[in-house]
Amino acid sequence: MLSIWEVALGIVGMGVITLLTRAFFMLPKEELPMPDWAKQGLRYAPLAALAAVIVPEIVMSQGQLIDTWRDARLYATAVASAYFFWRRDILGTILSGTAVMLALRIGLGW
């Protein structure tokens, strides 16, 4: 069984490592040299990370690709995407997707 000192040392150690890794880019006095192609690629990193998290939630169920069109997530995603490209409004996008999802899940039992 671990002693209180070992637990405290582990927590402090993880905190220090987390602080250093998150503050790594803020520690140098001048900007780190980076090729232009890397800077250009990093512009798309947040979008790629978001897509990597969201897309499997939309097209998969319990680790398997969905095999039916009767899935409310598909229609909610389509409506929310269309609304966003039409109005460029995040709140309306969330509300429209949620409204379709609730209507299909509660109304039709999907």
N, C-alpha and C. Protein backbone atom coordinates (compact mmCIF):
# COMPACT_ATOMS: atom_id res chain seq x y z
N MET A 1 0.84 -1.17 0.00
CA MET A 1 0.00 0.00 0.00
C MET A 1 0.89 1.24 0.00
N LEU A 2 0.46 2.25 -0.74
CA LEU A 2 1.25 3.47 -0.86
C LEU A 2 1.10 4.33 0.38
N SER A 3 2.21 4.97 0.74
CA SER A 3 2.14 5.90 1.87
C SER A 3 1.64 7.26 1.37
N ILE A 4 1.28 8.11 2.30
CA ILE A 4 0.78 9.43 1.95
C ILE A 4 1.86 10.25 1.24
N TRP A 5 3.12 10.02 1.58
CA TRP A 5 4.23 10.76 0.97
C TRP A 5 4.42 10.35 -0.49
N GLU A 6 4.24 9.08 -0.77
CA GLU A 6 4.37 8.61 -2.15
C GLU A 6 3.23 9.17 -3.02
N VAL A 7 2.05 9.20 -2.46
CA VAL A 7 0.91 9.75 -3.19
C VAL A 7 1.13 11.24 -3.43
N ALA A 8 1.55 11.96 -2.40
CA ALA A 8 1.80 13.40 -2.53
C ALA A 8 2.92 13.66 -3.55
N LEU A 9 3.98 12.87 -3.51
CA LEU A 9 5.08 13.03 -4.47
C LEU A 9 4.60 12.76 -5.89
N GLY A 10 3.75 11.76 -6.06
CA GLY A 10 3.20 11.47 -7.38
C GLY A 10 2.34 12.61 -7.90
N ILE A 11 1.50 13.18 -7.03
CA ILE A 11 0.64 14.29 -7.45
C ILE A 11 1.47 15.51 -7.80
N VAL A 12 2.45 15.85 -6.97
CA VAL A 12 3.31 17.00 -7.26
C VAL A 12 4.11 16.76 -8.53
N GLY A 13 4.63 15.56 -8.71
CA GLY A 13 5.40 15.24 -9.92
C GLY A 13 4.56 15.37 -11.18
N MET A 14 3.34 14.85 -11.15
CA MET A 14 2.45 14.97 -12.31
C MET A 14 2.10 16.42 -12.58
N GLY A 15 1.92 17.19 -11.50
CA GLY A 15 1.63 18.62 -11.67
C GLY A 15 2.79 19.36 -12.33
N VAL A 16 4.02 19.06 -11.90
CA VAL A 16 5.20 19.71 -12.49
C VAL A 16 5.35 19.33 -13.96
N ILE A 17 5.18 18.07 -14.27
CA ILE A 17 5.30 17.62 -15.66
C ILE A 17 4.22 18.27 -16.52
N THR A 18 3.00 18.34 -16.01
CA THR A 18 1.91 18.98 -16.75
C THR A 18 2.21 20.45 -16.98
N LEU A 19 2.68 21.14 -15.95
CA LEU A 19 3.03 22.56 -16.07
C LEU A 19 4.13 22.78 -17.11
N LEU A 20 5.16 21.96 -17.08
CA LEU A 20 6.25 22.12 -18.04
C LEU A 20 5.81 21.84 -19.47
N THR A 21 5.02 20.79 -19.67
CA THR A 21 4.62 20.48 -21.04
C THR A 21 3.65 21.50 -21.60
N ARG A 22 2.81 22.06 -20.76
CA ARG A 22 1.85 23.07 -21.24
C ARG A 22 2.49 24.44 -21.40
N ALA A 23 3.52 24.72 -20.62
CA ALA A 23 4.18 26.03 -20.67
C ALA A 23 5.40 26.02 -21.57
N PHE A 24 5.67 24.90 -22.23
CA PHE A 24 6.89 24.76 -23.04
C PHE A 24 7.03 25.86 -24.09
N PHE A 25 5.93 26.24 -24.72
CA PHE A 25 6.00 27.24 -25.78
C PHE A 25 6.03 28.66 -25.24
N MET A 26 5.75 28.84 -23.97
CA MET A 26 5.78 30.18 -23.39
C MET A 26 7.10 30.49 -22.69
N LEU A 27 7.92 29.49 -22.45
CA LEU A 27 9.18 29.69 -21.73
C LEU A 27 10.24 30.45 -22.52
N PRO A 28 10.48 30.16 -23.81
CA PRO A 28 11.53 30.87 -24.54
C PRO A 28 11.21 32.36 -24.70
N LYS A 29 12.26 33.18 -24.71
CA LYS A 29 12.09 34.63 -24.87
C LYS A 29 11.72 35.01 -26.30
N GLU A 30 12.20 34.24 -27.26
CA GLU A 30 11.89 34.54 -28.66
C GLU A 30 11.14 33.38 -29.29
N GLU A 31 10.52 33.65 -30.41
CA GLU A 31 9.72 32.64 -31.09
C GLU A 31 10.60 31.49 -31.57
N LEU A 32 10.08 30.28 -31.41
CA LEU A 32 10.81 29.11 -31.88
C LEU A 32 10.80 29.08 -33.40
N PRO A 33 11.96 28.80 -34.02
CA PRO A 33 11.97 28.74 -35.48
C PRO A 33 11.18 27.52 -35.97
N MET A 34 10.36 27.77 -36.98
CA MET A 34 9.52 26.71 -37.52
C MET A 34 9.35 26.96 -39.02
N PRO A 35 9.49 25.94 -39.84
CA PRO A 35 9.30 26.14 -41.27
C PRO A 35 7.87 26.59 -41.59
N ASP A 36 7.74 27.29 -42.69
CA ASP A 36 6.43 27.81 -43.09
C ASP A 36 5.40 26.69 -43.31
N TRP A 37 5.84 25.55 -43.86
CA TRP A 37 4.91 24.46 -44.10
C TRP A 37 4.36 23.92 -42.78
N ALA A 38 5.16 23.93 -41.70
CA ALA A 38 4.69 23.46 -40.40
C ALA A 38 3.69 24.46 -39.80
N LYS A 39 3.99 25.75 -39.95
CA LYS A 39 3.06 26.77 -39.46
C LYS A 39 1.72 26.67 -40.18
N GLN A 40 1.78 26.47 -41.49
CA GLN A 40 0.56 26.33 -42.29
C GLN A 40 -0.23 25.10 -41.85
N GLY A 41 0.47 24.02 -41.61
CA GLY A 41 -0.20 22.79 -41.18
C GLY A 41 -0.82 22.90 -39.81
N LEU A 42 -0.19 23.63 -38.91
CA LEU A 42 -0.72 23.79 -37.55
C LEU A 42 -2.01 24.60 -37.52
N ARG A 43 -2.27 25.36 -38.55
CA ARG A 43 -3.53 26.10 -38.62
C ARG A 43 -4.73 25.16 -38.65
N TYR A 44 -4.52 23.96 -39.20
CA TYR A 44 -5.62 23.01 -39.36
C TYR A 44 -5.67 21.97 -38.24
N ALA A 45 -4.75 22.02 -37.29
CA ALA A 45 -4.70 21.03 -36.22
C ALA A 45 -5.98 21.02 -35.36
N PRO A 46 -6.51 22.16 -34.93
CA PRO A 46 -7.73 22.10 -34.12
C PRO A 46 -8.91 21.50 -34.88
N LEU A 47 -9.05 21.83 -36.15
CA LEU A 47 -10.14 21.27 -36.95
C LEU A 47 -9.98 19.77 -37.11
N ALA A 48 -8.75 19.32 -37.35
CA ALA A 48 -8.50 17.89 -37.51
C ALA A 48 -8.77 17.14 -36.21
N ALA A 49 -8.39 17.72 -35.08
CA ALA A 49 -8.64 17.07 -33.78
C ALA A 49 -10.14 17.00 -33.50
N LEU A 50 -10.85 18.06 -33.81
CA LEU A 50 -12.30 18.07 -33.60
C LEU A 50 -12.98 17.02 -34.48
N ALA A 51 -12.57 16.95 -35.74
CA ALA A 51 -13.15 15.96 -36.65
C ALA A 51 -12.83 14.53 -36.18
N ALA A 52 -11.64 14.31 -35.65
CA ALA A 52 -11.27 12.98 -35.18
C ALA A 52 -12.11 12.54 -33.99
N VAL A 53 -12.61 13.49 -33.22
CA VAL A 53 -13.44 13.16 -32.07
C VAL A 53 -14.92 13.05 -32.46
N ILE A 54 -15.39 13.96 -33.30
CA ILE A 54 -16.82 14.05 -33.59
C ILE A 54 -17.28 13.02 -34.63
N VAL A 55 -16.54 12.83 -35.70
CA VAL A 55 -16.99 11.95 -36.79
C VAL A 55 -17.28 10.53 -36.32
N PRO A 56 -16.41 9.89 -35.52
CA PRO A 56 -16.78 8.54 -35.06
C PRO A 56 -18.06 8.52 -34.23
N GLU A 57 -18.34 9.58 -33.49
CA GLU A 57 -19.59 9.62 -32.72
C GLU A 57 -20.81 9.71 -33.61
N ILE A 58 -20.64 10.26 -34.80
CA ILE A 58 -21.77 10.40 -35.71
C ILE A 58 -22.01 9.13 -36.51
N VAL A 59 -20.98 8.48 -36.98
CA VAL A 59 -21.14 7.36 -37.91
C VAL A 59 -20.97 5.98 -37.28
N MET A 60 -20.70 5.93 -35.97
CA MET A 60 -20.50 4.63 -35.33
C MET A 60 -21.42 4.48 -34.13
N SER A 61 -21.78 3.24 -33.86
CA SER A 61 -22.57 2.92 -32.68
C SER A 61 -22.02 1.64 -32.07
N GLN A 62 -21.59 1.69 -30.84
CA GLN A 62 -21.01 0.56 -30.13
C GLN A 62 -19.84 -0.06 -30.91
N GLY A 63 -18.99 0.79 -31.47
CA GLY A 63 -17.80 0.33 -32.15
C GLY A 63 -18.01 -0.17 -33.57
N GLN A 64 -19.20 -0.11 -34.08
CA GLN A 64 -19.52 -0.57 -35.43
C GLN A 64 -20.10 0.57 -36.24
N LEU A 65 -19.81 0.59 -37.54
CA LEU A 65 -20.45 1.57 -38.40
C LEU A 65 -21.95 1.37 -38.38
N ILE A 66 -22.70 2.45 -38.39
CA ILE A 66 -24.16 2.31 -38.39
C ILE A 66 -24.59 1.71 -39.72
N ASP A 67 -25.61 0.89 -39.68
CA ASP A 67 -26.04 0.19 -40.89
C ASP A 67 -27.45 0.56 -41.33
N THR A 68 -27.97 1.67 -40.79
CA THR A 68 -29.30 2.10 -41.14
C THR A 68 -29.33 3.61 -41.31
N TRP A 69 -30.26 4.07 -42.12
CA TRP A 69 -30.44 5.52 -42.28
C TRP A 69 -31.35 6.07 -41.20
N ARG A 70 -31.94 5.19 -40.39
CA ARG A 70 -32.83 5.62 -39.31
C ARG A 70 -32.02 5.94 -38.07
N ASP A 71 -31.09 6.84 -38.19
CA ASP A 71 -30.27 7.29 -37.07
C ASP A 71 -30.38 8.80 -36.99
N ALA A 72 -30.88 9.29 -35.88
CA ALA A 72 -31.13 10.72 -35.72
C ALA A 72 -29.86 11.55 -35.83
N ARG A 73 -28.71 10.97 -35.48
CA ARG A 73 -27.46 11.73 -35.53
C ARG A 73 -27.12 12.18 -36.94
N LEU A 74 -27.41 11.36 -37.94
CA LEU A 74 -27.11 11.72 -39.33
C LEU A 74 -27.92 12.94 -39.76
N TYR A 75 -29.21 12.93 -39.47
CA TYR A 75 -30.07 14.03 -39.88
C TYR A 75 -29.78 15.29 -39.08
N ALA A 76 -29.50 15.14 -37.79
CA ALA A 76 -29.17 16.30 -36.97
C ALA A 76 -27.88 16.94 -37.44
N THR A 77 -26.91 16.13 -37.82
CA THR A 77 -25.64 16.65 -38.33
C THR A 77 -25.85 17.36 -39.66
N ALA A 78 -26.66 16.79 -40.53
CA ALA A 78 -26.92 17.41 -41.83
C ALA A 78 -27.62 18.76 -41.67
N VAL A 79 -28.63 18.81 -40.81
CA VAL A 79 -29.36 20.06 -40.59
C VAL A 79 -28.46 21.11 -39.93
N ALA A 80 -27.71 20.69 -38.92
CA ALA A 80 -26.82 21.64 -38.24
C ALA A 80 -25.75 22.17 -39.20
N SER A 81 -25.19 21.30 -40.03
CA SER A 81 -24.17 21.74 -41.00
C SER A 81 -24.77 22.71 -42.01
N ALA A 82 -25.95 22.39 -42.52
CA ALA A 82 -26.60 23.28 -43.48
C ALA A 82 -26.90 24.63 -42.84
N TYR A 83 -27.37 24.62 -41.60
CA TYR A 83 -27.66 25.89 -40.92
C TYR A 83 -26.39 26.70 -40.74
N PHE A 84 -25.30 26.04 -40.36
CA PHE A 84 -24.06 26.78 -40.16
C PHE A 84 -23.58 27.42 -41.46
N PHE A 85 -23.61 26.67 -42.56
CA PHE A 85 -23.15 27.24 -43.83
C PHE A 85 -24.09 28.31 -44.35
N TRP A 86 -25.35 28.26 -43.93
CA TRP A 86 -26.32 29.28 -44.35
C TRP A 86 -26.14 30.55 -43.54
N ARG A 87 -26.06 30.45 -42.20
CA ARG A 87 -26.07 31.62 -41.33
C ARG A 87 -24.75 31.93 -40.64
N ARG A 88 -23.84 30.98 -40.55
CA ARG A 88 -22.56 31.14 -39.83
C ARG A 88 -22.78 31.53 -38.37
N ASP A 89 -23.74 30.86 -37.73
CA ASP A 89 -24.10 31.17 -36.36
C ASP A 89 -23.99 29.90 -35.52
N ILE A 90 -23.12 29.92 -34.51
CA ILE A 90 -22.87 28.73 -33.71
C ILE A 90 -24.09 28.35 -32.87
N LEU A 91 -24.70 29.32 -32.21
CA LEU A 91 -25.85 29.03 -31.36
C LEU A 91 -26.99 28.43 -32.18
N GLY A 92 -27.28 29.00 -33.33
CA GLY A 92 -28.32 28.46 -34.19
C GLY A 92 -27.98 27.07 -34.69
N THR A 93 -26.71 26.81 -34.93
CA THR A 93 -26.26 25.48 -35.36
C THR A 93 -26.54 24.46 -34.28
N ILE A 94 -26.18 24.81 -33.05
CA ILE A 94 -26.42 23.89 -31.93
C ILE A 94 -27.91 23.66 -31.73
N LEU A 95 -28.67 24.74 -31.76
CA LEU A 95 -30.12 24.61 -31.54
C LEU A 95 -30.82 23.83 -32.65
N SER A 96 -30.45 24.08 -33.90
CA SER A 96 -31.10 23.35 -35.00
C SER A 96 -30.76 21.87 -34.96
N GLY A 97 -29.51 21.54 -34.72
CA GLY A 97 -29.12 20.13 -34.62
C GLY A 97 -29.79 19.43 -33.46
N THR A 98 -29.86 20.12 -32.33
CA THR A 98 -30.49 19.54 -31.15
C THR A 98 -31.99 19.36 -31.37
N ALA A 99 -32.63 20.33 -32.01
CA ALA A 99 -34.07 20.23 -32.27
C ALA A 99 -34.38 19.03 -33.16
N VAL A 100 -33.60 18.82 -34.20
CA VAL A 100 -33.82 17.67 -35.09
C VAL A 100 -33.56 16.37 -34.35
N MET A 101 -32.50 16.34 -33.56
CA MET A 101 -32.17 15.14 -32.80
C MET A 101 -33.31 14.79 -31.84
N LEU A 102 -33.80 15.77 -31.10
CA LEU A 102 -34.90 15.51 -30.16
C LEU A 102 -36.18 15.11 -30.88
N ALA A 103 -36.48 15.78 -31.97
CA ALA A 103 -37.70 15.46 -32.71
C ALA A 103 -37.67 14.02 -33.21
N LEU A 104 -36.54 13.59 -33.73
CA LEU A 104 -36.45 12.23 -34.27
C LEU A 104 -36.37 11.18 -33.15
N ARG A 105 -35.66 11.49 -32.09
CA ARG A 105 -35.52 10.52 -31.00
C ARG A 105 -36.81 10.38 -30.19
N ILE A 106 -37.39 11.52 -29.83
CA ILE A 106 -38.60 11.47 -29.00
C ILE A 106 -39.83 11.24 -29.86
N GLY A 107 -39.92 11.99 -30.98
CA GLY A 107 -41.12 11.91 -31.83
C GLY A 107 -41.24 10.59 -32.55
N LEU A 108 -40.16 10.12 -33.17
CA LEU A 108 -40.22 8.90 -33.97
C LEU A 108 -39.60 7.69 -33.28
N GLY A 109 -38.96 7.91 -32.15
CA GLY A 109 -38.36 6.80 -31.42
C GLY A 109 -37.08 6.27 -32.02
N TRP A 110 -36.39 7.06 -32.79
CA TRP A 110 -35.13 6.63 -33.39
C TRP A 110 -34.07 6.67 -32.33
